[in-house]
C-alpha atoms as a PDB file:
ATOM      1  CA  UNK A   1     -25.172  13.159  -4.563  1.00  0.00           C
ATOM      2  CA  UNK A   2     -28.521  14.119  -3.086  1.00  0.00           C
ATOM      3  CA  UNK A   3     -28.058  12.845   0.491  1.00  0.00           C
ATOM      4  CA  UNK A   4     -24.323  13.466   0.952  1.00  0.00           C
ATOM      5  CA  UNK A   5     -24.679  15.560   4.128  1.00  0.00           C
ATOM      6  CA  UNK A   6     -26.971  12.925   5.672  1.00  0.00           C
ATOM      7  CA  UNK A   7     -24.432  10.221   4.915  1.00  0.00           C
ATOM      8  CA  UNK A   8     -21.619  12.271   6.434  1.00  0.00           C
ATOM      9  CA  UNK A   9     -23.633  12.894   9.603  1.00  0.00           C
ATOM     10  CA  UNK A  10     -24.312   9.179   9.960  1.00  0.00           C
ATOM     11  CA  UNK A  11     -20.627   8.355   9.461  1.00  0.00           C
ATOM     12  CA  UNK A  12     -19.429  11.029  11.894  1.00  0.00           C
ATOM     13  CA  UNK A  13     -20.171   8.832  14.916  1.00  0.00           C
ATOM     14  CA  UNK A  14     -18.250   5.871  13.420  1.00  0.00           C
ATOM     15  CA  UNK A  15     -20.990   3.541  14.615  1.00  0.00           C
ATOM     16  CA  UNK A  16     -21.009   0.029  13.099  1.00  0.00           C
ATOM     17  CA  UNK A  17     -24.741   0.086  12.327  1.00  0.00           C
ATOM     18  CA  UNK A  18     -24.616   3.578  10.807  1.00  0.00           C
ATOM     19  CA  UNK A  19     -21.549   2.732   8.729  1.00  0.00           C
ATOM     20  CA  UNK A  20     -23.286  -0.356   7.352  1.00  0.00           C
ATOM     21  CA  UNK A  21     -26.445   1.674   6.698  1.00  0.00           C
ATOM     22  CA  UNK A  22     -24.483   4.272   4.697  1.00  0.00           C
ATOM     23  CA  UNK A  23     -22.688   1.538   2.763  1.00  0.00           C
ATOM     24  CA  UNK A  24     -26.043  -0.022   1.861  1.00  0.00           C
ATOM     25  CA  UNK A  25     -27.651   3.345   1.048  1.00  0.00           C
ATOM     26  CA  UNK A  26     -24.810   4.298  -1.281  1.00  0.00           C
ATOM     27  CA  UNK A  27     -25.259   1.006  -3.099  1.00  0.00           C
ATOM     28  CA  UNK A  28     -29.056   1.284  -3.225  1.00  0.00           C
ATOM     29  CA  UNK A  29     -29.916   4.979  -3.544  1.00  0.00           C
ATOM     30  CA  UNK A  30     -26.834   6.071  -5.452  1.00  0.00           C
ATOM     31  CA  UNK A  31     -26.566   2.786  -7.397  1.00  0.00           C
ATOM     32  CA  UNK A  32     -22.867   2.474  -6.563  1.00  0.00           C
ATOM     33  CA  UNK A  33     -20.817  -0.688  -6.428  1.00  0.00           C
ATOM     34  CA  UNK A  34     -19.589  -1.868  -3.032  1.00  0.00           C
ATOM     35  CA  UNK A  35     -16.042  -0.847  -4.015  1.00  0.00           C
ATOM     36  CA  UNK A  36     -17.083   2.680  -5.005  1.00  0.00           C
ATOM     37  CA  UNK A  37     -19.110   3.114  -1.802  1.00  0.00           C
ATOM     38  CA  UNK A  38     -16.233   1.883   0.382  1.00  0.00           C
ATOM     39  CA  UNK A  39     -13.817   4.164  -1.475  1.00  0.00           C
ATOM     40  CA  UNK A  40     -16.002   7.171  -0.715  1.00  0.00           C
ATOM     41  CA  UNK A  41     -16.409   6.220   2.964  1.00  0.00           C
ATOM     42  CA  UNK A  42     -12.725   5.438   3.527  1.00  0.00           C
ATOM     43  CA  UNK A  43     -11.646   8.634   1.781  1.00  0.00           C
ATOM     44  CA  UNK A  44     -13.729  10.550   4.333  1.00  0.00           C
ATOM     45  CA  UNK A  45     -12.300   8.506   7.193  1.00  0.00           C
ATOM     46  CA  UNK A  46      -8.684   8.976   6.121  1.00  0.00           C
ATOM     47  CA  UNK A  47      -8.895  12.700   5.418  1.00  0.00           C
ATOM     48  CA  UNK A  48     -10.680  13.233   8.760  1.00  0.00           C
ATOM     49  CA  UNK A  49      -7.792  11.746  10.776  1.00  0.00           C
ATOM     50  CA  UNK A  50      -6.678  14.588  13.032  1.00  0.00           C
ATOM     51  CA  UNK A  51      -4.323  12.685  15.312  1.00  0.00           C
ATOM     52  CA  UNK A  52      -2.544   9.411  15.586  1.00  0.00           C
ATOM     53  CA  UNK A  53      -3.898   6.722  17.824  1.00  0.00           C
ATOM     54  CA  UNK A  54      -2.378   3.286  17.977  1.00  0.00           C
ATOM     55  CA  UNK A  55      -5.383   1.708  16.269  1.00  0.00           C
ATOM     56  CA  UNK A  56      -8.492   3.058  14.530  1.00  0.00           C
ATOM     57  CA  UNK A  57     -11.509   0.895  13.791  1.00  0.00           C
ATOM     58  CA  UNK A  58     -14.175   1.268  11.142  1.00  0.00           C
ATOM     59  CA  UNK A  59     -16.910  -1.376  11.366  1.00  0.00           C
ATOM     60  CA  UNK A  60     -19.691  -2.169   8.907  1.00  0.00           C
ATOM     61  CA  UNK A  61     -22.012  -4.250  11.040  1.00  0.00           C
ATOM     62  CA  UNK A  62     -19.998  -7.166  12.402  1.00  0.00           C
ATOM     63  CA  UNK A  63     -17.206  -6.822   9.819  1.00  0.00           C
ATOM     64  CA  UNK A  64     -14.556  -4.214  10.320  1.00  0.00           C
ATOM     65  CA  UNK A  65     -11.325  -2.655   9.232  1.00  0.00           C
ATOM     66  CA  UNK A  66      -8.643  -1.570  11.626  1.00  0.00           C
ATOM     67  CA  UNK A  67      -5.818   0.779  10.821  1.00  0.00           C
ATOM     68  CA  UNK A  68      -2.842   0.216  13.101  1.00  0.00           C
ATOM     69  CA  UNK A  69      -0.359   3.066  13.358  1.00  0.00           C
ATOM     70  CA  UNK A  70       2.882   2.171  15.084  1.00  0.00           C
ATOM     71  CA  UNK A  71       6.081   4.185  15.222  1.00  0.00           C
ATOM     72  CA  UNK A  72       9.208   3.967  17.302  1.00  0.00           C
ATOM     73  CA  UNK A  73      12.192   6.298  17.403  1.00  0.00           C
ATOM     74  CA  UNK A  74      15.347   5.054  15.732  1.00  0.00           C
ATOM     75  CA  UNK A  75      18.182   5.275  18.232  1.00  0.00           C
ATOM     76  CA  UNK A  76      20.673   3.164  16.296  1.00  0.00           C
ATOM     77  CA  UNK A  77      20.250   4.918  12.931  1.00  0.00           C
ATOM     78  CA  UNK A  78      23.717   6.205  11.780  1.00  0.00           C
ATOM     79  CA  UNK A  79      22.738   9.876  11.192  1.00  0.00           C
ATOM     80  CA  UNK A  80      21.420  10.026  14.758  1.00  0.00           C
ATOM     81  CA  UNK A  81      24.781   9.032  16.183  1.00  0.00           C
ATOM     82  CA  UNK A  82      26.117  12.500  15.295  1.00  0.00           C
ATOM     83  CA  UNK A  83      22.845  14.333  15.847  1.00  0.00           C
ATOM     84  CA  UNK A  84      22.333  17.477  17.838  1.00  0.00           C
ATOM     85  CA  UNK A  85      19.222  19.271  19.106  1.00  0.00           C
ATOM     86  CA  UNK A  86      18.411  20.673  15.670  1.00  0.00           C
ATOM     87  CA  UNK A  87      18.288  17.234  14.002  1.00  0.00           C
ATOM     88  CA  UNK A  88      14.689  15.982  13.739  1.00  0.00           C
ATOM     89  CA  UNK A  89      13.925  12.630  15.309  1.00  0.00           C
ATOM     90  CA  UNK A  90      13.474   9.815  12.840  1.00  0.00           C
ATOM     91  CA  UNK A  91      10.933   7.103  13.421  1.00  0.00           C
ATOM     92  CA  UNK A  92      10.436   3.651  11.993  1.00  0.00           C
ATOM     93  CA  UNK A  93       6.743   3.696  11.120  1.00  0.00           C
ATOM     94  CA  UNK A  94       4.504   0.728  10.399  1.00  0.00           C
ATOM     95  CA  UNK A  95       1.023   0.928   8.967  1.00  0.00           C
ATOM     96  CA  UNK A  96      -1.173  -2.162   9.010  1.00  0.00           C
ATOM     97  CA  UNK A  97      -4.688  -2.505   7.671  1.00  0.00           C
ATOM     98  CA  UNK A  98      -6.504  -5.531   9.062  1.00  0.00           C
ATOM     99  CA  UNK A  99      -9.950  -6.982   8.386  1.00  0.00           C
ATOM    100  CA  UNK A 100     -11.984  -8.336  11.306  1.00  0.00           C
ATOM    101  CA  UNK A 101     -14.967 -10.643  11.122  1.00  0.00           C
ATOM    102  CA  UNK A 102     -16.527 -13.263  13.346  1.00  0.00           C
ATOM    103  CA  UNK A 103     -14.620 -15.917  11.437  1.00  0.00           C
ATOM    104  CA  UNK A 104     -11.160 -14.370  11.073  1.00  0.00           C
ATOM    105  CA  UNK A 105      -8.786 -11.483  11.381  1.00  0.00           C
ATOM    106  CA  UNK A 106      -6.598 -10.976   8.332  1.00  0.00           C
ATOM    107  CA  UNK A 107      -3.984  -8.428   7.276  1.00  0.00           C
ATOM    108  CA  UNK A 108      -5.023  -6.679   4.052  1.00  0.00           C
ATOM    109  CA  UNK A 109      -2.095  -4.276   3.770  1.00  0.00           C
ATOM    110  CA  UNK A 110       1.157  -3.538   5.589  1.00  0.00           C
ATOM    111  CA  UNK A 111       4.033  -1.158   4.984  1.00  0.00           C
ATOM    112  CA  UNK A 112       6.951   0.062   7.031  1.00  0.00           C
ATOM    113  CA  UNK A 113       9.174   3.045   6.395  1.00  0.00           C
ATOM    114  CA  UNK A 114      11.291   5.726   8.077  1.00  0.00           C
ATOM    115  CA  UNK A 115       9.869   9.177   8.668  1.00  0.00           C
ATOM    116  CA  UNK A 116      10.404  12.424  10.526  1.00  0.00           C
ATOM    117  CA  UNK A 117       7.927  12.856  13.424  1.00  0.00           C
ATOM    118  CA  UNK A 118       6.507  16.059  11.949  1.00  0.00           C
ATOM    119  CA  UNK A 119       5.393  14.198   8.813  1.00  0.00           C
ATOM    120  CA  UNK A 120       4.080  10.971  10.339  1.00  0.00           C
ATOM    121  CA  UNK A 121       0.343  11.712  10.196  1.00  0.00           C
ATOM    122  CA  UNK A 122       0.600  13.078   6.652  1.00  0.00           C
ATOM    123  CA  UNK A 123       2.606  10.051   5.541  1.00  0.00           C
ATOM    124  CA  UNK A 124       0.148   7.615   7.131  1.00  0.00           C
ATOM    125  CA  UNK A 125      -2.703   9.369   5.294  1.00  0.00           C
ATOM    126  CA  UNK A 126      -0.729   9.427   2.051  1.00  0.00           C
ATOM    127  CA  UNK A 127       0.032   5.694   2.237  1.00  0.00           C
ATOM    128  CA  UNK A 128      -3.592   4.860   3.022  1.00  0.00           C
ATOM    129  CA  UNK A 129      -4.879   6.965   0.137  1.00  0.00           C
ATOM    130  CA  UNK A 130      -2.286   5.568  -2.288  1.00  0.00           C
ATOM    131  CA  UNK A 131      -3.191   1.983  -1.405  1.00  0.00           C
ATOM    132  CA  UNK A 132      -6.917   2.452  -0.884  1.00  0.00           C
ATOM    133  CA  UNK A 133      -7.851   0.573  -4.042  1.00  0.00           C
ATOM    134  CA  UNK A 134      -5.791  -2.459  -2.969  1.00  0.00           C
ATOM    135  CA  UNK A 135      -7.210  -2.363   0.571  1.00  0.00           C
ATOM    136  CA  UNK A 136     -10.779  -2.148  -0.717  1.00  0.00           C
ATOM    137  CA  UNK A 137     -10.265  -4.864  -3.319  1.00  0.00           C
ATOM    138  CA  UNK A 138      -8.901  -7.180  -0.610  1.00  0.00           C
ATOM    139  CA  UNK A 139     -11.698  -6.210   1.795  1.00  0.00           C
ATOM    140  CA  UNK A 140     -14.463  -6.840  -0.757  1.00  0.00           C
ATOM    141  CA  UNK A 141     -12.877 -10.182  -1.675  1.00  0.00           C
ATOM    142  CA  UNK A 142     -12.839 -11.198   1.986  1.00  0.00           C
ATOM    143  CA  UNK A 143     -16.481 -10.164   2.457  1.00  0.00           C
ATOM    144  CA  UNK A 144     -17.645 -12.691  -0.160  1.00  0.00           C
END
């Protein structure tokens, strides 16, 4: 890809206009489908996650995706009843991917699971990468 570094620099600011520009450039200059371009962009976004925030947004012009990361410690989980200081805390984690447009806000993907706090970020990334194709397919369908 001839302009890969330029695309990455434009995406680094996570600016709605720049994100849309890169999406359009990938389709035009690289002759990629919308799905392939979104896959490339979202792969960068997911692997660049360095910390957990409650919600992350990625807009392409006025249409966006949000990734909602929510986790809460399980206090009533049976193994925790006999826990000591060496037992890792377990969290109920929920990951939601939502599409936003001027017309609607719609959930494209949602999963919940139980995870150790030390693995939460890795698990969120893993789930996003595993379900990226489904998220993108749903997103492209909603864009039409």
